[in-house]
Protein backbone atom coordinates (compact mmCIF):
# COMPACT_ATOMS: atom_id res chain seq x y z
CA MET A 1 -0.18 -0.14 0.17
CA THR A 2 1.27 3.74 -1.00
CA THR A 3 1.59 5.59 2.17
CA TYR A 4 1.83 9.55 2.04
CA SER A 5 5.36 9.30 3.29
CA ASP A 6 6.52 7.16 0.56
CA THR A 7 5.02 8.92 -1.94
CA ARG A 8 7.06 10.90 -4.53
CA THR A 9 7.35 14.73 -3.52
CA GLY A 10 5.78 15.47 -6.73
CA ASP A 11 3.05 13.65 -5.90
CA LEU A 12 2.84 15.14 -2.53
CA ALA A 13 2.45 18.93 -3.84
CA ASP A 14 -0.01 18.25 -6.11
CA THR A 15 -2.23 16.52 -3.56
CA ALA A 16 -1.63 19.34 -1.21
CA ARG A 17 -2.49 21.93 -4.02
CA ASP A 18 -5.94 20.01 -5.19
CA THR A 19 -6.67 19.80 -1.88
CA TYR A 20 -5.79 23.99 -1.01
CA GLU A 21 -7.89 24.44 -4.39
CA MET A 22 -10.92 22.17 -2.87
CA ILE A 23 -10.65 24.15 0.33
CA ARG A 24 -10.80 27.98 -1.48
CA GLN A 25 -14.29 26.52 -3.36
CA PRO A 26 -17.41 28.15 -2.26
CA PRO A 27 -20.08 26.80 -0.09
CA ALA A 28 -21.74 24.26 -2.38
CA GLU A 29 -25.09 25.77 -1.58
CA THR A 30 -27.07 29.08 -0.11
CA ARG A 31 -29.25 28.25 2.66
CA PRO A 32 -32.71 29.83 2.08
CA LEU A 33 -33.46 32.54 4.68
CA ARG A 34 -35.60 31.90 7.37
CA PRO A 35 -38.67 33.83 7.71
CA GLN A 36 -37.08 36.38 10.69
CA ASP A 37 -33.77 36.77 8.13
CA GLU A 38 -36.33 38.20 5.36
CA ALA A 39 -38.22 40.49 7.98
CA LEU A 40 -34.50 41.70 9.02
CA LEU A 41 -33.52 42.59 5.76
CA ALA A 42 -36.64 44.18 4.92
CA ARG A 43 -35.93 46.69 7.98
CA CYS A 44 -32.32 47.73 5.87
CA ASP A 45 -31.61 49.41 2.91
CA SER A 46 -29.77 47.14 0.32
CA PHE A 47 -26.76 48.53 -1.95
CA ARG A 48 -24.05 47.13 -3.91
CA PHE A 49 -20.42 47.43 -3.79
CA GLY A 50 -16.91 45.92 -4.90
CA PRO A 51 -15.84 45.45 -8.59
CA ALA A 52 -18.88 45.33 -10.76
CA ASP A 53 -21.00 45.78 -7.87
CA SER A 54 -20.41 41.98 -7.15
CA LEU A 55 -21.19 42.19 -3.30
CA ALA A 56 -24.35 42.62 -1.73
CA GLY A 57 -24.69 44.62 1.04
CA TRP A 58 -27.30 46.39 3.77
CA SER A 59 -27.15 48.90 6.04
CA VAL A 60 -29.49 50.01 8.97
CA GLY A 61 -29.63 53.00 11.75
CA HIS A 62 -27.88 56.55 11.41
CA GLY A 63 -24.80 57.76 13.19
CA PRO A 64 -21.32 56.40 13.24
CA ASP A 65 -20.34 53.72 11.08
CA VAL A 66 -19.98 50.69 12.37
CA PHE A 67 -19.04 47.51 9.36
CA LEU A 68 -19.94 43.86 10.05
CA VAL A 69 -18.29 40.82 7.89
CA HIS A 70 -19.44 37.23 8.67
CA GLY A 71 -17.63 33.92 8.83
CA TRP A 72 -16.34 31.71 6.10
CA GLY A 73 -19.57 29.61 5.02
CA GLY A 74 -21.62 32.10 6.73
CA CYS A 75 -23.74 35.15 5.75
CA GLY A 76 -24.19 38.62 6.31
CA VAL A 77 -27.75 38.47 8.28
CA GLN A 78 -26.14 36.38 10.72
CA MET A 79 -24.61 39.73 12.06
CA GLY A 80 -28.12 41.40 11.33
CA LYS A 81 -29.33 40.85 15.26
CA LEU A 82 -25.86 43.08 16.14
CA ALA A 83 -26.56 45.45 13.39
CA VAL A 84 -30.11 46.03 14.38
CA ALA A 85 -28.96 46.75 17.97
CA LEU A 86 -26.17 49.37 17.03
CA ALA A 87 -28.93 50.85 14.78
CA GLU A 88 -30.84 51.51 17.62
CA ALA A 89 -27.82 52.41 20.10
CA GLY A 90 -27.40 55.75 17.56
CA TYR A 91 -25.07 54.09 14.76
CA ARG A 92 -25.00 53.25 10.91
CA ALA A 93 -24.62 49.04 10.72
CA ARG A 94 -23.27 48.06 7.43
CA PHE A 95 -22.79 44.53 6.44
CA PHE A 96 -22.58 42.14 3.54
CA ASP A 97 -22.68 38.86 1.92
CA ALA A 98 -19.08 37.79 1.29
CA ARG A 99 -18.16 36.72 -2.52
CA GLY A 100 -19.22 33.36 -3.01
CA HIS A 101 -21.54 33.48 -0.27
CA GLY A 102 -25.13 34.35 -0.16
CA ALA A 103 -26.41 37.19 -2.48
CA SER A 104 -22.61 38.33 -3.83
CA SER A 105 -21.49 36.91 -6.81
CA PRO A 106 -19.42 33.51 -6.86
CA GLY A 107 -15.87 33.18 -6.34
CA PRO A 108 -13.02 31.55 -4.44
CA VAL A 109 -13.13 31.91 -1.04
CA GLY A 110 -10.31 32.70 1.81
CA PHE A 111 -9.24 34.84 4.12
CA ASP A 112 -7.61 37.06 1.50
CA THR A 113 -10.86 37.37 -0.28
CA LEU A 114 -12.73 38.31 2.82
CA MET A 115 -9.69 40.84 3.45
CA ALA A 116 -10.21 42.56 -0.05
CA ASP A 117 -13.99 42.85 0.45
CA CYS A 118 -13.45 44.21 3.70
CA ALA A 119 -11.40 46.32 2.11
CA ALA A 120 -14.22 47.26 -1.18
CA LEU A 121 -16.79 48.16 1.75
CA GLN A 122 -14.44 50.57 3.56
CA GLU A 123 -13.86 52.06 -0.16
CA ALA A 124 -17.56 52.36 -1.31
CA ALA A 125 -18.69 54.12 1.78
CA GLY A 126 -15.87 56.85 1.62
CA VAL A 127 -15.08 56.86 5.54
CA THR A 128 -12.91 55.01 8.13
CA PRO A 129 -15.59 53.29 10.12
CA HIS A 130 -15.73 53.96 13.98
CA ALA A 131 -15.61 50.18 14.58
CA TRP A 132 -15.44 46.78 12.82
CA ILE A 133 -17.09 43.77 14.31
CA GLY A 134 -15.92 40.35 12.78
CA HIS A 135 -17.23 36.80 13.00
CA SER A 136 -14.81 33.94 12.67
CA ALA A 137 -12.27 34.05 9.90
CA GLY A 138 -13.94 37.36 9.42
CA ALA A 139 -12.86 38.82 12.58
CA LEU A 140 -9.45 37.16 11.78
CA ALA A 141 -9.48 38.51 8.17
CA ALA A 142 -10.76 42.23 9.32
CA MET A 143 -7.78 41.93 11.79
CA ALA A 144 -4.86 41.17 9.58
CA GLY A 145 -6.28 43.52 7.05
CA ARG A 146 -5.18 46.17 8.83
CA ARG A 147 -1.65 45.52 7.67
CA THR A 148 -2.67 44.15 4.37
CA HIS A 149 -5.55 46.37 3.43
CA GLY A 150 -5.28 49.59 5.71
CA LEU A 151 -8.15 48.85 7.27
CA ARG A 152 -9.15 51.34 10.08
CA ALA A 153 -11.18 51.79 13.11
CA SER A 154 -11.19 53.29 16.51
CA ARG A 155 -13.24 50.31 17.94
CA TRP A 156 -12.71 46.77 17.34
CA VAL A 157 -14.83 43.54 17.76
CA CYS A 158 -14.23 40.03 17.51
CA ILE A 159 -16.41 36.90 18.11
CA ALA A 160 -14.83 33.42 18.03
CA ALA A 161 -12.10 34.52 16.32
CA PRO A 162 -9.08 32.35 15.62
CA LEU A 163 -5.64 33.20 16.66
CA LEU A 164 -4.65 32.03 13.68
CA PRO A 165 -5.75 30.33 10.38
CA TYR A 166 -6.00 26.95 11.77
CA VAL A 167 -9.57 25.73 11.40
CA PRO A 168 -9.40 24.59 7.67
CA ILE A 169 -6.48 22.95 8.93
CA GLU A 170 -7.85 21.02 11.61
CA GLN A 171 -11.07 20.02 9.56
CA LEU A 172 -9.17 18.84 6.97
CA ARG A 173 -7.34 16.38 9.24
CA GLU A 174 -10.93 15.57 10.97
CA ALA A 175 -11.62 14.37 7.41
CA GLY A 176 -8.65 12.02 7.25
CA ILE A 177 -6.00 14.25 5.08
CA PRO A 178 -2.48 13.56 6.45
CA ALA A 179 -0.09 15.74 8.44
CA PRO A 180 2.29 15.69 5.07
CA VAL A 181 -0.42 17.25 3.07
CA THR A 182 -1.72 19.98 5.32
CA ASP A 183 2.09 20.67 6.72
CA ARG A 184 2.21 22.13 2.73
CA ILE A 185 -1.02 23.73 2.70
CA LYS A 186 -0.31 25.94 5.54
CA PRO A 187 2.03 28.42 3.94
CA MET A 188 -0.34 28.10 1.28
CA ILE A 189 -2.89 29.80 3.82
CA ALA A 190 -0.09 31.72 5.07
CA ALA A 191 0.15 33.46 1.45
CA GLN A 192 -3.27 34.89 1.66
CA PHE A 193 -2.11 37.14 4.44
CA ASP A 194 1.41 38.29 3.09
CA SER A 195 2.93 36.38 5.50
CA ASP A 196 4.14 33.05 6.97
CA TRP A 197 2.94 30.62 9.41
CA ALA A 198 5.29 31.00 11.95
CA ALA A 199 4.57 34.34 12.11
CA LEU A 200 0.57 34.00 12.29
CA LYS A 201 1.11 31.76 14.83
CA ALA A 202 3.27 34.36 17.21
CA GLY A 203 -0.24 36.34 16.82
CA GLN A 204 0.85 38.57 13.69
CA ALA A 205 -3.00 39.75 12.98
CA TRP A 206 -3.27 40.49 16.45
CA GLN A 207 -0.55 43.41 17.26
CA PRO A 208 -2.20 46.34 19.51
CA ASP A 209 -2.83 49.60 18.32
CA PRO A 210 -2.62 52.18 20.59
CA GLU A 211 -5.31 54.21 19.11
CA ALA A 212 -7.71 51.54 19.36
CA ALA A 213 -9.63 48.99 21.68
CA LEU A 214 -10.68 45.57 21.37
CA LEU A 215 -13.12 43.32 22.38
CA VAL A 216 -13.50 39.80 21.78
CA ALA A 217 -15.93 37.18 22.83
CA TYR A 218 -15.38 33.26 22.88
CA ASP A 219 -17.94 30.70 23.98
CA ASP A 220 -16.61 27.85 25.79
CA ASP A 221 -18.29 25.23 24.10
CA ASP A 222 -17.38 26.69 20.77
CA PRO A 223 -16.35 23.16 18.52
CA MET A 224 -14.50 25.28 16.45
CA VAL A 225 -12.68 27.73 17.48
CA HIS A 226 -10.42 27.31 20.62
CA PRO A 227 -11.79 29.19 23.69
CA GLU A 228 -8.45 29.85 24.73
CA ASP A 229 -7.15 31.66 22.02
CA GLY A 230 -9.02 35.36 23.83
CA ASP A 231 -6.64 34.70 26.45
CA ALA A 232 -3.92 34.70 23.75
CA ILE A 233 -5.14 37.47 22.18
CA ALA A 234 -5.52 39.39 25.36
CA ALA A 235 -1.72 38.38 26.72
CA LEU A 236 -0.80 40.18 22.81
CA TRP A 237 -3.24 43.02 23.07
CA PRO A 238 -2.99 44.85 26.78
CA GLY A 239 -6.36 46.39 27.53
CA THR A 240 -8.38 43.87 25.69
CA ARG A 241 -12.01 43.34 27.04
CA LEU A 242 -12.71 39.61 27.08
CA VAL A 243 -16.53 38.41 27.17
CA ARG A 244 -17.17 34.81 27.89
CA THR A 245 -20.83 32.72 27.30
CA SER A 246 -21.52 28.78 27.72
CA GLY A 247 -23.73 26.79 25.74
CA CYS A 248 -23.64 29.10 22.36
CA GLY A 249 -21.30 27.25 20.66
CA HIS A 250 -19.81 28.82 17.29
CA ASN A 251 -22.39 30.57 16.01
CA ARG A 252 -25.72 31.52 18.62
CA ILE A 253 -22.89 33.30 20.79
CA LEU A 254 -23.83 36.53 17.58
CA GLY A 255 -27.08 36.51 19.13
CA ASP A 256 -26.14 36.17 23.03
CA SER A 257 -27.59 38.98 24.61
CA ALA A 258 -24.45 39.61 27.03
CA VAL A 259 -21.96 39.82 23.56
CA ILE A 260 -25.03 42.40 22.19
CA ALA A 261 -24.90 44.65 25.50
CA ALA A 262 -20.77 44.60 25.65
CA THR A 263 -20.51 45.28 22.15
CA ILE A 264 -22.74 48.18 21.95
CA ASP A 265 -20.74 49.47 25.54
CA HIS A 266 -17.54 48.92 23.89
CA MET A 267 -18.81 51.51 20.90
CA THR A 268 -17.49 54.21 23.78
CA GLY A 269 -15.03 54.91 26.03
CA SER A 270 -11.21 55.28 25.73
CA PRO A 271 -9.24 53.15 23.88
CA ALA A 272 -7.35 51.78 27.12
CA GLN A 273 -10.93 50.70 28.24
């Protein structure tokens, strides 16, 4: 039987490249919107932005801008409950479907496309937002986008955000892809950040901004992102506010009342707060 340990290097490289291209494919299908999601979007103003208006976005409220970005395989309306709460608190919240997701145009997906989509929203809005709020891969992409795409804000909120892009690697391992393949995929993913795996593992995306304040939130029962990433990020960025929940998992934390309240409260105060 042929094993990965005795496969020729060229074959191993081809397998890694094919696997990498596989994980860049968009979700197989878009889940239909629930009635409550349709009702929420009906409260919002829709708009298109990005190259050839390829991206679908929504806005709600009036006041300082807050931009929200969903995670890999998600959709903009997942951020809708937070967006409405922000609108009721006196902010204009803008959220969107990333490329390859929801109502936006199809295309390869990855951390690099999420960063580019965030930059496209900031450019289309023509303002530096008061805050960026991200979930999961979207949060990591927004934070890394400070270095790669010039994203700026005075407030950052990252919910269920991985310290580095290990989630696709762990999912591949769970699917039976052996370490010799995933080890070759790591630098491919790191290249999406214009970086290398060692720098990302050291927390490159989370370097502190003395002019900004950071809030991170994690659920103890998240099956995808390690809750202890919150402690690692807080150690990298002094003054980080860390919120913990239980029983919400990876997605329901977005609608948790304590997380929403902490997010609204985080919109004010000094960067060191």
